Protein backbone atom coordinates (compact mmCIF):
# COMPACT_ATOMS: atom_id res chain seq x y z
CA MET A 1 6.51 24.21 13.07
CA ALA A 2 7.06 22.77 9.37
CA THR A 3 4.28 23.21 6.71
CA LEU A 4 3.09 20.19 5.15
CA GLN A 5 4.41 20.02 1.38
CA ALA A 6 3.76 16.58 0.57
CA LEU A 7 1.13 13.44 1.03
CA LEU A 8 2.91 10.29 0.60
CA PHE A 9 1.16 7.50 -0.27
CA ASP A 10 0.91 3.41 0.31
CA VAL A 11 -0.87 1.62 -2.02
CA ASP A 12 -2.09 -2.52 -1.36
CA GLY A 13 -5.15 -1.45 1.24
CA THR A 14 -4.78 1.96 1.08
CA LEU A 15 -5.49 2.90 -1.96
CA ALA A 16 -7.18 0.27 -3.11
CA ASP A 17 -8.37 -3.38 -1.20
CA THR A 18 -5.88 -4.66 -4.10
CA GLU A 19 -4.59 -7.69 -1.32
CA ARG A 20 -7.95 -9.59 -1.20
CA ASP A 21 -8.95 -8.79 -4.49
CA GLY A 22 -6.12 -8.54 -6.79
CA HIS A 23 -2.93 -9.32 -5.28
CA ARG A 24 -4.51 -13.32 -3.84
CA PRO A 25 -6.50 -14.06 -6.93
CA ALA A 26 -3.14 -13.35 -8.86
CA PHE A 27 -0.95 -15.56 -6.99
CA ASN A 28 -3.30 -18.29 -7.32
CA MET A 29 -3.60 -17.76 -10.91
CA ALA A 30 -0.18 -17.78 -11.42
CA PHE A 31 0.20 -21.16 -8.75
CA LYS A 32 -2.20 -22.71 -11.31
CA ALA A 33 0.04 -21.83 -14.42
CA ALA A 34 2.63 -23.43 -13.01
CA GLY A 35 0.91 -26.51 -12.46
CA LEU A 36 1.24 -26.05 -8.79
CA ASP A 37 -1.57 -26.94 -6.51
CA TRP A 38 -1.37 -24.47 -4.06
CA ASN A 39 -4.22 -22.26 -3.10
CA TRP A 40 -3.99 -19.13 -1.16
CA ASP A 41 -7.58 -18.66 0.38
CA GLU A 42 -8.67 -15.49 2.34
CA THR A 43 -7.89 -16.84 5.64
CA LEU A 44 -4.60 -17.99 4.60
CA TYR A 45 -3.29 -15.03 2.57
CA GLY A 46 -4.21 -12.89 5.53
CA GLU A 47 -1.29 -14.91 8.18
CA LEU A 48 0.67 -14.37 4.83
CA LEU A 49 0.42 -10.54 4.87
CA ALA A 50 2.42 -11.03 7.78
CA VAL A 51 5.54 -10.31 5.20
CA THR A 52 5.65 -7.98 2.90
CA GLY A 53 7.09 -8.42 -0.62
CA GLY A 54 5.68 -11.21 -3.31
CA LYS A 55 8.66 -12.70 -3.32
CA GLU A 56 9.33 -12.80 0.31
CA ARG A 57 6.07 -13.80 1.03
CA ILE A 58 6.24 -17.23 -1.13
CA ARG A 59 9.45 -17.92 0.94
CA TYR A 60 7.55 -17.28 3.93
CA TYR A 61 4.62 -19.55 2.74
CA LEU A 62 7.05 -22.46 2.16
CA GLU A 63 8.49 -22.27 5.08
CA LYS A 64 5.56 -22.03 7.59
CA PHE A 65 3.32 -23.21 5.82
CA ASN A 66 4.45 -25.76 3.19
CA PRO A 67 7.97 -26.84 4.11
CA SER A 68 7.44 -30.43 2.38
CA PHE A 69 7.60 -29.02 -1.07
CA ILE A 70 10.48 -29.89 -2.91
CA LYS A 71 12.20 -26.82 -3.49
CA PRO A 72 13.30 -26.39 -7.66
CA GLU A 73 17.25 -25.58 -8.30
CA PRO A 74 18.06 -22.74 -8.92
CA PHE A 75 15.27 -21.70 -6.17
CA ASP A 76 16.02 -17.31 -6.76
CA GLU A 77 15.11 -18.19 -9.92
CA PHE A 78 12.17 -20.22 -9.56
CA VAL A 79 11.16 -17.54 -7.16
CA LYS A 80 11.33 -14.50 -9.23
CA ASN A 81 9.45 -16.51 -12.06
CA LEU A 82 6.64 -17.01 -10.47
CA HIS A 83 6.51 -14.14 -9.21
CA ALA A 84 6.79 -12.18 -12.28
CA SER A 85 4.30 -14.52 -14.15
CA LYS A 86 1.49 -13.03 -10.71
CA THR A 87 2.51 -9.23 -11.76
CA GLN A 88 1.15 -10.54 -15.12
CA PHE A 89 -1.80 -11.71 -13.70
CA TYR A 90 -2.13 -8.68 -11.46
CA THR A 91 -2.02 -5.76 -14.21
CA GLN A 92 -4.60 -8.33 -16.41
CA LEU A 93 -7.28 -8.16 -13.32
CA MET A 94 -6.18 -4.53 -13.22
CA ALA A 95 -6.61 -3.80 -17.10
CA GLU A 96 -10.09 -5.11 -17.07
CA GLY A 97 -11.09 -2.49 -14.41
CA LYS A 98 -11.61 -5.31 -11.26
CA ILE A 99 -10.26 -3.62 -8.47
CA PRO A 100 -11.54 -0.02 -7.90
CA LEU A 101 -9.98 2.97 -5.64
CA ARG A 102 -11.29 3.10 -1.95
CA VAL A 103 -13.84 5.39 -0.77
CA GLY A 104 -12.24 8.97 -0.83
CA VAL A 105 -9.25 8.11 -2.28
CA GLU A 106 -9.71 9.81 -5.77
CA ARG A 107 -11.18 12.62 -4.05
CA LEU A 108 -8.27 13.30 -2.14
CA ILE A 109 -5.76 13.26 -4.56
CA ASN A 110 -8.06 15.38 -6.79
CA GLU A 111 -7.80 18.11 -3.73
CA ALA A 112 -4.25 17.94 -3.71
CA ARG A 113 -3.40 18.29 -6.74
CA ALA A 114 -5.62 21.38 -7.44
CA GLU A 115 -3.92 23.28 -4.27
CA GLY A 116 -0.78 22.26 -5.89
CA MET A 117 0.12 19.93 -2.87
CA ARG A 118 3.25 17.32 -3.69
CA MET A 119 2.58 13.65 -3.87
CA ALA A 120 4.21 10.59 -3.95
CA ILE A 121 3.97 6.48 -3.65
CA VAL A 122 5.33 4.82 -1.09
CA THR A 123 5.34 0.84 -1.44
CA THR A 124 6.54 -2.44 -1.34
CA THR A 125 4.62 -4.01 -4.69
CA THR A 126 6.53 -3.76 -7.78
CA PRO A 127 6.50 -0.43 -10.11
CA GLU A 128 4.70 -2.71 -12.64
CA ASN A 129 1.72 -3.12 -9.98
CA VAL A 130 1.44 0.87 -9.05
CA THR A 131 1.30 1.92 -12.88
CA ALA A 132 -0.97 -0.96 -13.28
CA LEU A 133 -3.55 0.35 -10.88
CA LEU A 134 -2.58 4.14 -11.76
CA LYS A 135 -4.27 3.94 -15.15
CA SER A 136 -7.13 1.38 -14.16
CA THR A 137 -8.66 3.77 -11.85
CA LEU A 138 -7.08 7.45 -12.35
CA GLY A 139 -5.94 7.68 -16.05
CA ALA A 140 -3.73 6.80 -18.42
CA ASP A 141 -1.57 9.88 -16.82
CA SER A 142 -2.26 9.64 -13.69
CA GLU A 143 1.43 8.29 -12.54
CA SER A 144 3.00 11.71 -13.70
CA TRP A 145 0.73 13.11 -10.65
CA PHE A 146 3.02 11.58 -8.35
CA GLU A 147 6.61 13.12 -8.01
CA VAL A 148 8.08 9.83 -6.83
CA ILE A 149 7.13 6.54 -7.45
CA ALA A 150 8.93 4.73 -4.48
CA ALA A 151 8.45 0.59 -5.03
CA GLY A 152 9.27 -2.67 -5.26
CA ASP A 153 12.94 -3.83 -4.56
CA ILE A 154 14.43 -0.23 -5.03
CA VAL A 155 15.63 -0.61 -1.39
CA PRO A 156 16.88 -3.74 -0.06
CA ALA A 157 14.66 -3.57 3.44
CA LYS A 158 11.09 -3.49 2.91
CA LYS A 159 8.38 -2.49 5.09
CA PRO A 160 8.44 -2.72 8.41
CA ALA A 161 12.20 -1.15 7.79
CA PRO A 162 11.56 2.74 7.40
CA ASP A 163 13.95 2.78 4.59
CA ILE A 164 11.21 3.05 1.35
CA TYR A 165 10.09 6.21 3.39
CA LEU A 166 13.72 7.78 3.61
CA TRP A 167 14.94 7.38 0.19
CA ALA A 168 11.62 8.95 -1.23
CA LEU A 169 11.90 11.75 1.17
CA GLU A 170 15.65 12.09 0.34
CA LYS A 171 14.60 12.29 -3.78
CA MET A 172 12.12 14.76 -2.93
CA ASN A 173 14.39 16.98 -0.84
CA LEU A 174 12.02 16.95 2.18
CA THR A 175 12.25 15.91 6.00
CA ALA A 176 10.04 14.00 7.96
CA GLY A 177 8.43 16.80 9.31
CA ASP A 178 7.36 18.30 6.02
CA ALA A 179 5.10 15.71 4.82
CA ILE A 180 2.58 13.17 5.90
CA ALA A 181 1.82 9.44 5.22
CA PHE A 182 -1.15 7.21 4.43
CA GLU A 183 -1.07 3.42 5.31
CA ASP A 184 -3.27 0.83 6.33
CA SER A 185 -0.98 -2.03 7.91
CA LEU A 186 0.86 -2.96 10.96
CA ASN A 187 4.20 -3.43 8.58
CA GLY A 188 3.37 0.18 7.10
CA ILE A 189 2.88 2.20 9.97
CA LYS A 190 5.98 0.72 11.97
CA SER A 191 7.90 1.92 8.67
CA SER A 192 6.28 4.90 8.33
CA ALA A 193 6.66 5.84 12.12
CA ALA A 194 10.38 4.32 12.01
CA ALA A 195 11.02 7.59 9.62
CA ASN A 196 9.28 10.21 12.00
CA LEU A 197 6.14 10.59 9.73
CA LYS A 198 3.55 11.66 10.93
CA THR A 199 0.54 9.49 9.68
CA ILE A 200 -2.87 8.43 8.93
CA ILE A 201 -4.67 4.51 8.73
CA THR A 202 -7.42 3.62 7.22
CA ILE A 203 -7.94 0.25 8.06
CA ASN A 204 -9.26 -2.86 5.99
CA ASP A 205 -10.25 -6.52 6.74
CA TYR A 206 -6.88 -7.98 7.20
CA THR A 207 -5.35 -5.13 9.28
CA LYS A 208 -8.49 -4.09 11.02
CA ASP A 209 -6.85 -5.68 14.65
CA ASP A 210 -3.52 -4.59 13.88
CA ASP A 211 -1.66 -2.26 16.73
CA PHE A 212 -1.81 1.47 15.05
CA SER A 213 -0.96 3.41 18.41
CA GLN A 214 2.03 5.01 16.83
CA ALA A 215 -1.18 6.55 14.42
CA GLN A 216 -2.13 10.33 14.35
CA LEU A 217 -5.63 9.19 13.33
CA VAL A 218 -7.21 5.92 12.32
CA LEU A 219 -10.26 5.59 10.10
CA ASP A 220 -12.20 2.76 8.62
CA SER A 221 -12.10 4.68 5.20
CA MET A 222 -11.50 8.43 3.93
CA GLY A 223 -15.10 8.55 3.22
CA ASP A 224 -16.60 11.25 1.36
CA SER A 225 -19.69 13.34 1.49
CA ASN A 226 -22.49 10.51 0.85
CA ARG A 227 -20.32 8.13 3.18
CA GLY A 228 -18.93 9.38 5.76
CA PHE A 229 -15.93 7.77 7.85
CA ASN A 230 -15.71 6.18 11.20
CA VAL A 231 -12.86 7.27 13.93
CA LEU A 232 -11.22 4.31 15.35
CA ALA A 233 -8.53 6.55 17.15
CA GLY A 234 -7.63 10.55 17.28
CA GLU A 235 -9.67 13.41 16.49
CA ALA A 236 -11.47 14.70 13.36
CA ALA A 237 -11.81 17.86 14.41
CA GLY A 238 -15.73 17.58 13.57
CA HIS A 239 -14.70 16.64 10.02
CA THR A 240 -16.91 13.63 8.18
CA PHE A 241 -14.51 13.00 5.61
CA LEU A 242 -10.77 13.26 5.07
CA ASN A 243 -10.34 15.71 3.13
CA LEU A 244 -6.72 17.99 2.66
CA ALA A 245 -7.90 20.58 5.48
CA LEU A 246 -8.12 17.78 8.07
CA VAL A 247 -4.77 16.07 6.67
CA LYS A 248 -3.30 19.65 7.55
CA LYS A 249 -4.49 19.64 10.99
CA ILE A 250 -3.32 16.62 11.62
CA HIS A 251 -0.23 17.02 10.24
CA GLU A 252 0.11 20.13 13.01
CA LEU A 253 -0.49 17.70 15.78
């Protein structure tokens, strides 16, 4: 049996509740700045999360929820510029410290660092968004803690395709059996499972009803010593919060 060598972390919804409290308001700020009367409330945004990637989400919104909008030409450039504006507002929110990490995330990352465990970021969000979150929560040099930052358009097919995970594993010279993934959504588990990675899920309000039958462990959070997790599926072997010992047990399943 392969020994666990690396932890592969999704970002949005897994490390922090960035979707509800970061990306959604940043999109709305970008729409306002562009003179658009669009507003993505929490309910609508939950439906838009069916699609991964910010530019893809804008296109999906126009196709399904706002088809009467007259698309400006060149449309691709319009979407690209609107998304770039959204990224600027998102990094601004991050710099202001508006979005903290989820319970237990920093503790697990620090434990992994202390034990010399390799780590990577594997996400559909942009590299700029990753940098903004890491610097605002873990410190200026925290990006260097992760051997690979697999983010954004680095592969053409985004989650639920497995490509981003396969790319990260290749860059780290690892097989799927050498690593474990941390996800929070249906598209995330589809992606990691298709890459043959064992996966630990921490749900959030947007993903609590998703099908996580392919995951090895489903939790409501990573938990800590003061606030334990609730196990929604799988076996926690008597643990009350997610530490590296439990992660290794899950990897051995």
